[in-house]
């Protein structure tokens, strides 16, 4: 499978959210008032709604706090 870099934005009846991806790894997630792992879990559970993926290079991604805050492994060096 292809590992993408960019921003996934989601919208449903309860609100909106986004996930910042770098090489397929989630760096930051927000969904309504939820953040981090809880927000990503909420996005994954969506059954209806609209989404948009905006591919991007690393330099133009929103700043993140770092993968260690989200419980994900860091497979690359900055």
PDB file of N, CA and C in Angstrom:
ATOM      1  N   UNK A   1       0.832  -1.189   0.000  1.00  0.00           N
ATOM      2  CA  UNK A   1       0.000   0.000   0.000  1.00  0.00           C
ATOM      3  C   UNK A   1       0.874   1.249   0.000  1.00  0.00           C
ATOM      4  N   UNK A   2       0.287   2.326  -0.430  1.00  0.00           N
ATOM      5  CA  UNK A   2       1.000   3.591  -0.548  1.00  0.00           C
ATOM      6  C   UNK A   2       0.908   4.380   0.754  1.00  0.00           C
ATOM      7  N   UNK A   3       2.026   4.918   1.205  1.00  0.00           N
ATOM      8  CA  UNK A   3       2.045   5.741   2.417  1.00  0.00           C
ATOM      9  C   UNK A   3       1.967   7.203   1.998  1.00  0.00           C
ATOM     10  N   UNK A   4       0.926   7.892   2.443  1.00  0.00           N
ATOM     11  CA  UNK A   4       0.677   9.255   1.998  1.00  0.00           C
ATOM     12  C   UNK A   4       1.050  10.278   3.061  1.00  0.00           C
ATOM     13  N   UNK A   5       1.288  11.501   2.597  1.00  0.00           N
ATOM     14  CA  UNK A   5       1.565  12.635   3.467  1.00  0.00           C
ATOM     15  C   UNK A   5       0.568  13.727   3.117  1.00  0.00           C
ATOM     16  N   UNK A   6      -0.096  14.269   4.122  1.00  0.00           N
ATOM     17  CA  UNK A   6      -1.072  15.322   3.886  1.00  0.00           C
ATOM     18  C   UNK A   6      -2.040  15.441   5.042  1.00  0.00           C
ATOM     19  N   UNK A   7      -3.156  16.113   4.768  1.00  0.00           N
ATOM     20  CA  UNK A   7      -4.158  16.362   5.802  1.00  0.00           C
ATOM     21  C   UNK A   7      -5.489  15.759   5.369  1.00  0.00           C
ATOM     22  N   UNK A   8      -6.048  14.889   6.209  1.00  0.00           N
ATOM     23  CA  UNK A   8      -7.369  14.313   6.005  1.00  0.00           C
ATOM     24  C   UNK A   8      -8.349  15.114   6.856  1.00  0.00           C
ATOM     25  N   UNK A   9      -9.343  15.714   6.203  1.00  0.00           N
ATOM     26  CA  UNK A   9     -10.379  16.469   6.903  1.00  0.00           C
ATOM     27  C   UNK A   9     -11.683  15.701   6.775  1.00  0.00           C
ATOM     28  N   UNK A  10     -12.420  15.561   7.879  1.00  0.00           N
ATOM     29  CA  UNK A  10     -13.691  14.829   7.872  1.00  0.00           C
ATOM     30  C   UNK A  10     -14.800  15.713   8.439  1.00  0.00           C
ATOM     31  N   UNK A  11     -16.006  15.516   7.906  1.00  0.00           N
ATOM     32  CA  UNK A  11     -17.183  16.253   8.356  1.00  0.00           C
ATOM     33  C   UNK A  11     -18.326  15.259   8.487  1.00  0.00           C
ATOM     34  N   UNK A  12     -19.058  15.318   9.591  1.00  0.00           N
ATOM     35  CA  UNK A  12     -20.285  14.533   9.722  1.00  0.00           C
ATOM     36  C   UNK A  12     -21.297  15.366  10.497  1.00  0.00           C
ATOM     37  N   UNK A  13     -22.452  14.788  10.790  1.00  0.00           N
ATOM     38  CA  UNK A  13     -23.522  15.532  11.455  1.00  0.00           C
ATOM     39  C   UNK A  13     -23.114  16.049  12.833  1.00  0.00           C
ATOM     40  N   UNK A  14     -22.177  15.394  13.491  1.00  0.00           N
ATOM     41  CA  UNK A  14     -21.776  15.802  14.837  1.00  0.00           C
ATOM     42  C   UNK A  14     -20.641  16.814  14.854  1.00  0.00           C
ATOM     43  N   UNK A  15     -19.988  17.059  13.718  1.00  0.00           N
ATOM     44  CA  UNK A  15     -18.899  18.022  13.700  1.00  0.00           C
ATOM     45  C   UNK A  15     -17.866  17.708  12.647  1.00  0.00           C
ATOM     46  N   UNK A  16     -16.664  18.206  12.887  1.00  0.00           N
ATOM     47  CA  UNK A  16     -15.586  18.009  11.921  1.00  0.00           C
ATOM     48  C   UNK A  16     -14.295  17.656  12.646  1.00  0.00           C
ATOM     49  N   UNK A  17     -13.332  17.200  11.874  1.00  0.00           N
ATOM     50  CA  UNK A  17     -12.042  16.848  12.441  1.00  0.00           C
ATOM     51  C   UNK A  17     -10.989  16.762  11.373  1.00  0.00           C
ATOM     52  N   UNK A  18      -9.772  16.487  11.789  1.00  0.00           N
ATOM     53  CA  UNK A  18      -8.680  16.347  10.835  1.00  0.00           C
ATOM     54  C   UNK A  18      -7.594  15.464  11.417  1.00  0.00           C
ATOM     55  N   UNK A  19      -6.850  14.847  10.496  1.00  0.00           N
ATOM     56  CA  UNK A  19      -5.691  14.035  10.874  1.00  0.00           C
ATOM     57  C   UNK A  19      -4.538  14.438   9.971  1.00  0.00           C
ATOM     58  N   UNK A  20      -3.397  14.731  10.560  1.00  0.00           N
ATOM     59  CA  UNK A  20      -2.187  15.064   9.811  1.00  0.00           C
ATOM     60  C   UNK A  20      -1.379  13.781   9.659  1.00  0.00           C
ATOM     61  N   UNK A  21      -1.091  13.400   8.415  1.00  0.00           N
ATOM     62  CA  UNK A  21      -0.364  12.161   8.128  1.00  0.00           C
ATOM     63  C   UNK A  21       0.993  12.469   7.514  1.00  0.00           C
ATOM     64  N   UNK A  22       2.009  11.727   7.923  1.00  0.00           N
ATOM     65  CA  UNK A  22       3.340  11.806   7.314  1.00  0.00           C
ATOM     66  C   UNK A  22       3.772  10.390   6.990  1.00  0.00           C
ATOM     67  N   UNK A  23       3.948  10.104   5.722  1.00  0.00           N
ATOM     68  CA  UNK A  23       4.279   8.746   5.265  1.00  0.00           C
ATOM     69  C   UNK A  23       3.311   7.710   5.842  1.00  0.00           C
ATOM     70  N   UNK A  24       2.016   8.067   5.887  1.00  0.00           N
ATOM     71  CA  UNK A  24       0.994   7.139   6.349  1.00  0.00           C
ATOM     72  C   UNK A  24       0.843   7.023   7.852  1.00  0.00           C
ATOM     73  N   UNK A  25       1.643   7.744   8.612  1.00  0.00           N
ATOM     74  CA  UNK A  25       1.588   7.684  10.076  1.00  0.00           C
ATOM     75  C   UNK A  25       0.926   8.954  10.600  1.00  0.00           C
ATOM     76  N   UNK A  26      -0.088   8.788  11.444  1.00  0.00           N
ATOM     77  CA  UNK A  26      -0.803   9.933  12.001  1.00  0.00           C
ATOM     78  C   UNK A  26       0.097  10.677  12.986  1.00  0.00           C
ATOM     79  N   UNK A  27       0.282  11.970  12.735  1.00  0.00           N
ATOM     80  CA  UNK A  27       1.101  12.810  13.602  1.00  0.00           C
ATOM     81  C   UNK A  27       0.255  13.596  14.599  1.00  0.00           C
ATOM     82  N   UNK A  28      -0.971  13.938  14.175  1.00  0.00           N
ATOM     83  CA  UNK A  28      -1.871  14.699  15.035  1.00  0.00           C
ATOM     84  C   UNK A  28      -3.295  14.440  14.574  1.00  0.00           C
ATOM     85  N   UNK A  29      -4.234  14.387  15.511  1.00  0.00           N
ATOM     86  CA  UNK A  29      -5.643  14.194  15.163  1.00  0.00           C
ATOM     87  C   UNK A  29      -6.516  15.026  16.090  1.00  0.00           C
ATOM     88  N   UNK A  30      -7.547  15.615  15.500  1.00  0.00           N
ATOM     89  CA  UNK A  30      -8.538  16.390  16.242  1.00  0.00           C
ATOM     90  C   UNK A  30      -9.895  16.031  15.662  1.00  0.00           C
ATOM     91  N   UNK A  31     -10.888  15.769  16.526  1.00  0.00           N
ATOM     92  CA  UNK A  31     -12.246  15.500  16.073  1.00  0.00           C
ATOM     93  C   UNK A  31     -13.192  16.084  17.102  1.00  0.00           C
ATOM     94  N   UNK A  32     -13.875  17.168  16.743  1.00  0.00           N
ATOM     95  CA  UNK A  32     -14.706  17.876  17.723  1.00  0.00           C
ATOM     96  C   UNK A  32     -13.831  18.352  18.866  1.00  0.00           C
ATOM     97  N   UNK A  33     -14.183  17.984  20.094  1.00  0.00           N
ATOM     98  CA  UNK A  33     -13.382  18.361  21.268  1.00  0.00           C
ATOM     99  C   UNK A  33     -12.328  17.318  21.612  1.00  0.00           C
ATOM    100  N   UNK A  34     -12.324  16.207  20.882  1.00  0.00           N
ATOM    101  CA  UNK A  34     -11.363  15.132  21.148  1.00  0.00           C
ATOM    102  C   UNK A  34     -10.024  15.440  20.477  1.00  0.00           C
ATOM    103  N   UNK A  35      -8.955  14.947  21.090  1.00  0.00           N
ATOM    104  CA  UNK A  35      -7.616  15.113  20.527  1.00  0.00           C
ATOM    105  C   UNK A  35      -6.879  13.781  20.599  1.00  0.00           C
ATOM    106  N   UNK A  36      -5.833  13.713  19.810  1.00  0.00           N
ATOM    107  CA  UNK A  36      -4.901  12.599  19.868  1.00  0.00           C
ATOM    108  C   UNK A  36      -5.570  11.258  19.537  1.00  0.00           C
ATOM    109  N   UNK A  37      -5.255  10.226  20.291  1.00  0.00           N
ATOM    110  CA  UNK A  37      -5.745   8.871  20.002  1.00  0.00           C
ATOM    111  C   UNK A  37      -7.276   8.813  20.045  1.00  0.00           C
ATOM    112  N   UNK A  38      -7.888   9.489  21.003  1.00  0.00           N
ATOM    113  CA  UNK A  38      -9.350   9.504  21.115  1.00  0.00           C
ATOM    114  C   UNK A  38      -9.985  10.095  19.849  1.00  0.00           C
ATOM    115  N   UNK A  39      -9.398  11.163  19.314  1.00  0.00           N
ATOM    116  CA  UNK A  39      -9.907  11.777  18.083  1.00  0.00           C
ATOM    117  C   UNK A  39      -9.748  10.836  16.896  1.00  0.00           C
ATOM    118  N   UNK A  40      -8.608  10.195  16.778  1.00  0.00           N
ATOM    119  CA  UNK A  40      -8.382   9.260  15.676  1.00  0.00           C
ATOM    120  C   UNK A  40      -9.362   8.094  15.752  1.00  0.00           C
ATOM    121  N   UNK A  41      -9.609   7.587  16.941  1.00  0.00           N
ATOM    122  CA  UNK A  41     -10.598   6.519  17.114  1.00  0.00           C
ATOM    123  C   UNK A  41     -11.986   6.990  16.682  1.00  0.00           C
ATOM    124  N   UNK A  42     -12.348   8.234  17.010  1.00  0.00           N
ATOM    125  CA  UNK A  42     -13.635   8.789  16.603  1.00  0.00           C
ATOM    126  C   UNK A  42     -13.758   8.907  15.096  1.00  0.00           C
ATOM    127  N   UNK A  43     -12.690   9.318  14.438  1.00  0.00           N
ATOM    128  CA  UNK A  43     -12.688   9.426  12.974  1.00  0.00           C
ATOM    129  C   UNK A  43     -12.853   8.049  12.346  1.00  0.00           C
ATOM    130  N   UNK A  44     -12.148   7.075  12.858  1.00  0.00           N
ATOM    131  CA  UNK A  44     -12.206   5.714  12.305  1.00  0.00           C
ATOM    132  C   UNK A  44     -13.611   5.122  12.445  1.00  0.00           C
ATOM    133  N   UNK A  45     -14.323   5.467  13.504  1.00  0.00           N
ATOM    134  CA  UNK A  45     -15.663   4.911  13.744  1.00  0.00           C
ATOM    135  C   UNK A  45     -16.765   5.570  12.913  1.00  0.00           C
ATOM    136  N   UNK A  46     -16.465   6.662  12.210  1.00  0.00           N
ATOM    137  CA  UNK A  46     -17.497   7.337  11.411  1.00  0.00           C
ATOM    138  C   UNK A  46     -18.085   6.385  10.376  1.00  0.00           C
ATOM    139  N   UNK A  47     -19.388   6.404  10.238  1.00  0.00           N
ATOM    140  CA  UNK A  47     -20.080   5.566   9.251  1.00  0.00           C
ATOM    141  C   UNK A  47     -20.647   6.401   8.115  1.00  0.00           C
ATOM    142  N   UNK A  48     -20.878   7.688   8.353  1.00  0.00           N
ATOM    143  CA  UNK A  48     -21.405   8.596   7.336  1.00  0.00           C
ATOM    144  C   UNK A  48     -20.661   9.910   7.437  1.00  0.00           C
ATOM    145  N   UNK A  49     -20.683  10.658   6.355  1.00  0.00           N
ATOM    146  CA  UNK A  49     -20.042  11.954   6.354  1.00  0.00           C
ATOM    147  C   UNK A  49     -19.286  12.189   5.062  1.00  0.00           C
ATOM    148  N   UNK A  50     -18.518  13.234   5.068  1.00  0.00           N
ATOM    149  CA  UNK A  50     -17.753  13.646   3.896  1.00  0.00           C
ATOM    150  C   UNK A  50     -16.300  13.790   4.323  1.00  0.00           C
ATOM    151  N   UNK A  51     -15.393  13.428   3.446  1.00  0.00           N
ATOM    152  CA  UNK A  51     -13.983  13.608   3.767  1.00  0.00           C
ATOM    153  C   UNK A  51     -13.255  14.240   2.586  1.00  0.00           C
ATOM    154  N   UNK A  52     -12.122  14.837   2.890  1.00  0.00           N
ATOM    155  CA  UNK A  52     -11.248  15.403   1.860  1.00  0.00           C
ATOM    156  C   UNK A  52      -9.818  15.115   2.285  1.00  0.00           C
ATOM    157  N   UNK A  53      -9.024  14.582   1.374  1.00  0.00           N
ATOM    158  CA  UNK A  53      -7.604  14.397   1.643  1.00  0.00           C
ATOM    159  C   UNK A  53      -6.836  15.377   0.779  1.00  0.00           C
ATOM    160  N   UNK A  54      -6.011  16.190   1.415  1.00  0.00           N
ATOM    161  CA  UNK A  54      -5.195  17.166   0.705  1.00  0.00           C
ATOM    162  C   UNK A  54      -3.737  16.725   0.803  1.00  0.00           C
ATOM    163  N   UNK A  55      -3.195  16.134  -0.278  1.00  0.00           N
ATOM    164  CA  UNK A  55      -1.784  15.739  -0.243  1.00  0.00           C
ATOM    165  C   UNK A  55      -0.911  16.971  -0.043  1.00  0.00           C
ATOM    166  N   UNK A  56       0.190  16.781   0.617  1.00  0.00           N
ATOM    167  CA  UNK A  56       1.061  17.904   0.913  1.00  0.00           C
ATOM    168  C   UNK A  56       2.470  17.403   1.134  1.00  0.00           C
ATOM    169  N   UNK A  57       3.429  18.284   0.903  1.00  0.00           N
ATOM    170  CA  UNK A  57       4.787  17.917   1.281  1.00  0.00           C
ATOM    171  C   UNK A  57       4.969  18.254   2.761  1.00  0.00           C
ATOM    172  N   UNK A  58       5.979  17.714   3.356  1.00  0.00           N
ATOM    173  CA  UNK A  58       6.194  17.863   4.800  1.00  0.00           C
ATOM    174  C   UNK A  58       6.330  19.325   5.203  1.00  0.00           C
ATOM    175  N   UNK A  59       6.977  20.151   4.394  1.00  0.00           N
ATOM    176  CA  UNK A  59       7.228  21.544   4.747  1.00  0.00           C
ATOM    177  C   UNK A  59       5.941  22.349   4.904  1.00  0.00           C
ATOM    178  N   UNK A  60       4.864  21.958   4.218  1.00  0.00           N
ATOM    179  CA  UNK A  60       3.638  22.749   4.274  1.00  0.00           C
ATOM    180  C   UNK A  60       2.590  22.187   5.230  1.00  0.00           C
ATOM    181  N   UNK A  61       2.913  21.120   5.960  1.00  0.00           N
ATOM    182  CA  UNK A  61       1.962  20.560   6.920  1.00  0.00           C
ATOM    183  C   UNK A  61       1.854  21.451   8.149  1.00  0.00           C
ATOM    184  N   UNK A  62       0.690  21.432   8.819  1.00  0.00           N
ATOM    185  CA  UNK A  62       0.567  22.179  10.070  1.00  0.00           C
ATOM    186  C   UNK A  62       1.567  21.650  11.097  1.00  0.00           C
ATOM    187  N   UNK A  63       2.056  22.506  11.990  1.00  0.00           N
ATOM    188  CA  UNK A  63       2.992  22.026  13.014  1.00  0.00           C
ATOM    189  C   UNK A  63       2.311  21.027  13.934  1.00  0.00           C
ATOM    190  N   UNK A  64       3.072  20.045  14.401  1.00  0.00           N
ATOM    191  CA  UNK A  64       2.544  19.045  15.325  1.00  0.00           C
ATOM    192  C   UNK A  64       3.425  19.004  16.558  1.00  0.00           C
ATOM    193  N   UNK A  65       2.924  18.343  17.598  1.00  0.00           N
ATOM    194  CA  UNK A  65       3.676  18.259  18.856  1.00  0.00           C
ATOM    195  C   UNK A  65       4.672  17.123  18.864  1.00  0.00           C
ATOM    196  N   UNK A  66       4.598  16.238  17.901  1.00  0.00           N
ATOM    197  CA  UNK A  66       5.513  15.101  17.881  1.00  0.00           C
ATOM    198  C   UNK A  66       4.776  13.806  18.125  1.00  0.00           C
ATOM    199  N   UNK A  67       5.258  12.744  17.540  1.00  0.00           N
ATOM    200  CA  UNK A  67       4.551  11.470  17.599  1.00  0.00           C
ATOM    201  C   UNK A  67       4.555  10.854  18.985  1.00  0.00           C
ATOM    202  N   UNK A  68       5.489  11.199  19.843  1.00  0.00           N
ATOM    203  CA  UNK A  68       5.537  10.575  21.154  1.00  0.00           C
ATOM    204  C   UNK A  68       4.298  10.911  21.985  1.00  0.00           C
ATOM    205  N   UNK A  69       3.628  12.032  21.685  1.00  0.00           N
ATOM    206  CA  UNK A  69       2.431  12.411  22.420  1.00  0.00           C
ATOM    207  C   UNK A  69       1.223  11.560  22.057  1.00  0.00           C
ATOM    208  N   UNK A  70       1.267  10.844  20.947  1.00  0.00           N
ATOM    209  CA  UNK A  70       0.105  10.130  20.444  1.00  0.00           C
ATOM    210  C   UNK A  70       0.249   8.626  20.539  1.00  0.00           C
ATOM    211  N   UNK A  71       1.358   8.130  21.034  1.00  0.00           N
ATOM    212  CA  UNK A  71       1.531   6.700  21.177  1.00  0.00           C
ATOM    213  C   UNK A  71       1.881   5.989  19.890  1.00  0.00           C
ATOM    214  N   UNK A  72       2.396   6.712  18.904  1.00  0.00           N
ATOM    215  CA  UNK A  72       2.784   6.108  17.634  1.00  0.00           C
ATOM    216  C   UNK A  72       4.297   5.995  17.567  1.00  0.00           C
ATOM    217  N   UNK A  73       4.776   5.016  16.832  1.00  0.00           N
ATOM    218  CA  UNK A  73       6.210   4.864  16.640  1.00  0.00           C
ATOM    219  C   UNK A  73       6.701   5.876  15.627  1.00  0.00           C
ATOM    220  N   UNK A  74       7.875   6.411  15.849  1.00  0.00           N
ATOM    221  CA  UNK A  74       8.486   7.368  14.937  1.00  0.00           C
ATOM    222  C   UNK A  74       9.462   6.606  14.055  1.00  0.00           C
ATOM    223  N   UNK A  75       9.073   6.378  12.800  1.00  0.00           N
ATOM    224  CA  UNK A  75       9.891   5.585  11.876  1.00  0.00           C
ATOM    225  C   UNK A  75      10.866   6.411  11.060  1.00  0.00           C
ATOM    226  N   UNK A  76      10.942   7.695  11.292  1.00  0.00           N
ATOM    227  CA  UNK A  76      11.803   8.540  10.466  1.00  0.00           C
ATOM    228  C   UNK A  76      12.478   9.573  11.353  1.00  0.00           C
ATOM    229  N   UNK A  77      13.536  10.150  10.835  1.00  0.00           N
ATOM    230  CA  UNK A  77      14.252  11.214  11.545  1.00  0.00           C
ATOM    231  C   UNK A  77      13.967  12.534  10.865  1.00  0.00           C
ATOM    232  N   UNK A  78      13.742  13.581  11.653  1.00  0.00           N
ATOM    233  CA  UNK A  78      13.519  14.920  11.087  1.00  0.00           C
ATOM    234  C   UNK A  78      14.835  15.587  10.789  1.00  0.00           C
TER     235      UNK A  78
END
